[in-house]
Amino acid sequence: MKQIILIRADLNMGIGKIAVQASHASMSFLLQAQTDDDLLNVDDWLNGGQTKICLQIHSEEELLELHEKALSA
């Protein structure tokens, strides 16, 4: 299991701001997973290495498109 974090290049954030926003995204995912049993088995995630992949995207439209693909997968 891997967590994919998408970073929007069109927002022109500095590297520090990107790191903070990616950290917020990762923590928000984990907190949501703790309350949504259908989303993820949190124990499996915590004991499985917590793999994260950060990718750059170029627009909100691309973000929404990838979100829809992830939901349908």
N, C-alpha and C. Protein backbone atom coordinates (compact mmCIF):
# COMPACT_ATOMS: atom_id res chain seq x y z
N MET A 1 0.84 -1.17 0.00
CA MET A 1 0.00 0.00 0.00
C MET A 1 0.89 1.24 0.00
N LYS A 2 0.52 2.20 -0.84
CA LYS A 2 1.30 3.44 -0.93
C LYS A 2 0.37 4.64 -0.83
N GLN A 3 0.87 5.69 -0.24
CA GLN A 3 0.16 6.97 -0.21
C GLN A 3 0.79 7.85 -1.28
N ILE A 4 -0.03 8.34 -2.19
CA ILE A 4 0.42 9.24 -3.24
C ILE A 4 0.01 10.66 -2.86
N ILE A 5 0.98 11.57 -2.80
CA ILE A 5 0.72 12.98 -2.49
C ILE A 5 1.02 13.79 -3.74
N LEU A 6 0.03 14.49 -4.23
CA LEU A 6 0.18 15.28 -5.45
C LEU A 6 0.43 16.74 -5.09
N ILE A 7 1.49 17.30 -5.66
CA ILE A 7 1.88 18.68 -5.40
C ILE A 7 1.61 19.50 -6.66
N ARG A 8 0.81 20.55 -6.52
CA ARG A 8 0.48 21.41 -7.66
C ARG A 8 1.58 22.44 -7.92
N ALA A 9 2.23 22.31 -9.07
CA ALA A 9 3.31 23.23 -9.44
C ALA A 9 2.79 24.62 -9.76
N ASP A 10 1.53 24.71 -10.19
CA ASP A 10 0.99 26.01 -10.60
C ASP A 10 0.75 26.95 -9.43
N LEU A 11 0.88 26.47 -8.20
CA LEU A 11 0.68 27.33 -7.03
C LEU A 11 1.96 28.08 -6.64
N ASN A 12 3.06 27.72 -7.26
CA ASN A 12 4.35 28.41 -7.05
C ASN A 12 4.73 28.54 -5.57
N MET A 13 4.62 27.44 -4.85
CA MET A 13 5.02 27.42 -3.44
C MET A 13 6.51 27.15 -3.32
N GLY A 14 7.12 27.71 -2.29
CA GLY A 14 8.51 27.40 -1.99
C GLY A 14 8.62 25.98 -1.43
N ILE A 15 9.84 25.48 -1.37
CA ILE A 15 10.07 24.10 -0.93
C ILE A 15 9.58 23.87 0.50
N GLY A 16 9.75 24.86 1.37
CA GLY A 16 9.27 24.71 2.75
C GLY A 16 7.76 24.61 2.82
N LYS A 17 7.08 25.44 2.08
CA LYS A 17 5.61 25.43 2.04
C LYS A 17 5.11 24.10 1.46
N ILE A 18 5.80 23.61 0.43
CA ILE A 18 5.42 22.31 -0.14
C ILE A 18 5.55 21.21 0.90
N ALA A 19 6.65 21.22 1.65
CA ALA A 19 6.86 20.20 2.68
C ALA A 19 5.77 20.26 3.75
N VAL A 20 5.41 21.45 4.17
CA VAL A 20 4.37 21.62 5.18
C VAL A 20 3.02 21.12 4.65
N GLN A 21 2.67 21.51 3.43
CA GLN A 21 1.38 21.11 2.87
C GLN A 21 1.32 19.59 2.65
N ALA A 22 2.43 18.99 2.20
CA ALA A 22 2.46 17.54 2.03
C ALA A 22 2.31 16.83 3.38
N SER A 23 2.92 17.38 4.41
CA SER A 23 2.78 16.81 5.76
C SER A 23 1.35 16.90 6.25
N HIS A 24 0.72 18.04 6.01
CA HIS A 24 -0.69 18.19 6.38
C HIS A 24 -1.55 17.16 5.66
N ALA A 25 -1.30 16.97 4.38
CA ALA A 25 -2.07 16.01 3.59
C ALA A 25 -1.92 14.59 4.14
N SER A 26 -0.69 14.23 4.47
CA SER A 26 -0.43 12.89 4.98
C SER A 26 -1.13 12.66 6.33
N MET A 27 -1.03 13.64 7.21
CA MET A 27 -1.67 13.51 8.53
C MET A 27 -3.19 13.52 8.41
N SER A 28 -3.74 14.35 7.54
CA SER A 28 -5.19 14.39 7.35
C SER A 28 -5.71 13.05 6.87
N PHE A 29 -4.96 12.43 5.95
CA PHE A 29 -5.32 11.10 5.46
C PHE A 29 -5.39 10.10 6.61
N LEU A 30 -4.37 10.09 7.46
CA LEU A 30 -4.32 9.14 8.56
C LEU A 30 -5.46 9.38 9.55
N LEU A 31 -5.72 10.64 9.89
CA LEU A 31 -6.81 10.96 10.81
C LEU A 31 -8.17 10.55 10.24
N GLN A 32 -8.36 10.78 8.95
CA GLN A 32 -9.62 10.37 8.32
C GLN A 32 -9.74 8.85 8.31
N ALA A 33 -8.64 8.16 8.04
CA ALA A 33 -8.66 6.70 8.00
C ALA A 33 -9.01 6.11 9.36
N GLN A 34 -8.64 6.77 10.45
CA GLN A 34 -8.96 6.28 11.78
C GLN A 34 -10.46 6.28 12.05
N THR A 35 -11.20 7.14 11.39
CA THR A 35 -12.63 7.23 11.62
C THR A 35 -13.46 6.58 10.52
N ASP A 36 -12.80 6.13 9.44
CA ASP A 36 -13.50 5.54 8.30
C ASP A 36 -12.93 4.15 8.05
N ASP A 37 -13.58 3.13 8.62
CA ASP A 37 -13.07 1.76 8.52
C ASP A 37 -12.99 1.26 7.09
N ASP A 38 -13.81 1.79 6.19
CA ASP A 38 -13.80 1.35 4.80
C ASP A 38 -12.61 1.95 4.03
N LEU A 39 -12.01 3.00 4.53
CA LEU A 39 -10.92 3.67 3.83
C LEU A 39 -9.62 2.88 3.91
N LEU A 40 -9.31 2.37 5.10
CA LEU A 40 -8.00 1.76 5.30
C LEU A 40 -7.96 1.06 6.65
N ASN A 41 -7.25 -0.04 6.73
CA ASN A 41 -6.93 -0.65 8.01
C ASN A 41 -5.70 0.08 8.54
N VAL A 42 -5.89 0.95 9.51
CA VAL A 42 -4.82 1.82 10.01
C VAL A 42 -3.65 1.00 10.56
N ASP A 43 -3.93 -0.10 11.23
CA ASP A 43 -2.83 -0.92 11.77
C ASP A 43 -1.95 -1.46 10.64
N ASP A 44 -2.57 -1.91 9.54
CA ASP A 44 -1.79 -2.38 8.39
C ASP A 44 -0.92 -1.26 7.84
N TRP A 45 -1.47 -0.07 7.76
CA TRP A 45 -0.73 1.09 7.25
C TRP A 45 0.47 1.41 8.16
N LEU A 46 0.21 1.48 9.46
CA LEU A 46 1.27 1.84 10.41
C LEU A 46 2.37 0.78 10.47
N ASN A 47 2.00 -0.49 10.31
CA ASN A 47 2.99 -1.57 10.40
C ASN A 47 3.59 -1.93 9.04
N GLY A 48 3.14 -1.31 7.98
CA GLY A 48 3.56 -1.69 6.64
C GLY A 48 4.57 -0.76 6.00
N GLY A 49 5.20 0.11 6.74
CA GLY A 49 6.24 0.96 6.19
C GLY A 49 5.79 2.37 5.83
N GLN A 50 4.48 2.58 5.72
CA GLN A 50 3.93 3.92 5.45
C GLN A 50 4.56 4.56 4.22
N THR A 51 4.65 3.82 3.13
CA THR A 51 5.26 4.32 1.90
C THR A 51 4.50 5.52 1.36
N LYS A 52 5.25 6.56 1.02
CA LYS A 52 4.67 7.78 0.46
C LYS A 52 5.41 8.13 -0.83
N ILE A 53 4.66 8.55 -1.83
CA ILE A 53 5.23 9.00 -3.09
C ILE A 53 4.67 10.38 -3.37
N CYS A 54 5.56 11.35 -3.61
CA CYS A 54 5.13 12.71 -3.95
C CYS A 54 5.36 12.94 -5.44
N LEU A 55 4.33 13.43 -6.11
CA LEU A 55 4.39 13.69 -7.54
C LEU A 55 3.96 15.12 -7.82
N GLN A 56 4.56 15.71 -8.82
CA GLN A 56 4.19 17.06 -9.23
C GLN A 56 3.12 16.99 -10.32
N ILE A 57 2.11 17.82 -10.18
CA ILE A 57 1.10 17.99 -11.22
C ILE A 57 1.05 19.47 -11.56
N HIS A 58 0.32 19.82 -12.62
CA HIS A 58 0.43 21.18 -13.14
C HIS A 58 -0.83 22.02 -13.04
N SER A 59 -1.94 21.45 -12.53
CA SER A 59 -3.17 22.24 -12.48
C SER A 59 -4.20 21.58 -11.56
N GLU A 60 -5.19 22.37 -11.18
CA GLU A 60 -6.30 21.83 -10.40
C GLU A 60 -7.08 20.82 -11.23
N GLU A 61 -7.20 21.06 -12.53
CA GLU A 61 -7.92 20.14 -13.40
C GLU A 61 -7.25 18.76 -13.41
N GLU A 62 -5.92 18.76 -13.47
CA GLU A 62 -5.18 17.50 -13.43
C GLU A 62 -5.39 16.80 -12.09
N LEU A 63 -5.40 17.56 -11.01
CA LEU A 63 -5.66 17.01 -9.68
C LEU A 63 -7.02 16.33 -9.63
N LEU A 64 -8.04 17.01 -10.11
CA LEU A 64 -9.40 16.46 -10.08
C LEU A 64 -9.52 15.23 -10.96
N GLU A 65 -8.86 15.25 -12.11
CA GLU A 65 -8.88 14.09 -13.01
C GLU A 65 -8.25 12.87 -12.34
N LEU A 66 -7.10 13.07 -11.71
CA LEU A 66 -6.43 11.97 -11.02
C LEU A 66 -7.23 11.47 -9.82
N HIS A 67 -7.90 12.38 -9.14
CA HIS A 67 -8.76 11.99 -8.02
C HIS A 67 -9.88 11.07 -8.50
N GLU A 68 -10.52 11.42 -9.60
CA GLU A 68 -11.58 10.58 -10.17
C GLU A 68 -11.04 9.21 -10.58
N LYS A 69 -9.86 9.16 -11.18
CA LYS A 69 -9.26 7.89 -11.56
C LYS A 69 -8.98 7.02 -10.33
N ALA A 70 -8.50 7.65 -9.27
CA ALA A 70 -8.20 6.91 -8.05
C ALA A 70 -9.48 6.33 -7.44
N LEU A 71 -10.55 7.11 -7.44
CA LEU A 71 -11.81 6.62 -6.89
C LEU A 71 -12.37 5.46 -7.68
N SER A 72 -12.19 5.48 -8.99
CA SER A 72 -12.75 4.42 -9.80
C SER A 72 -11.86 3.17 -9.82
N ALA A 73 -10.63 3.30 -9.37
CA ALA A 73 -9.69 2.14 -9.41
C ALA A 73 -10.00 1.15 -8.34
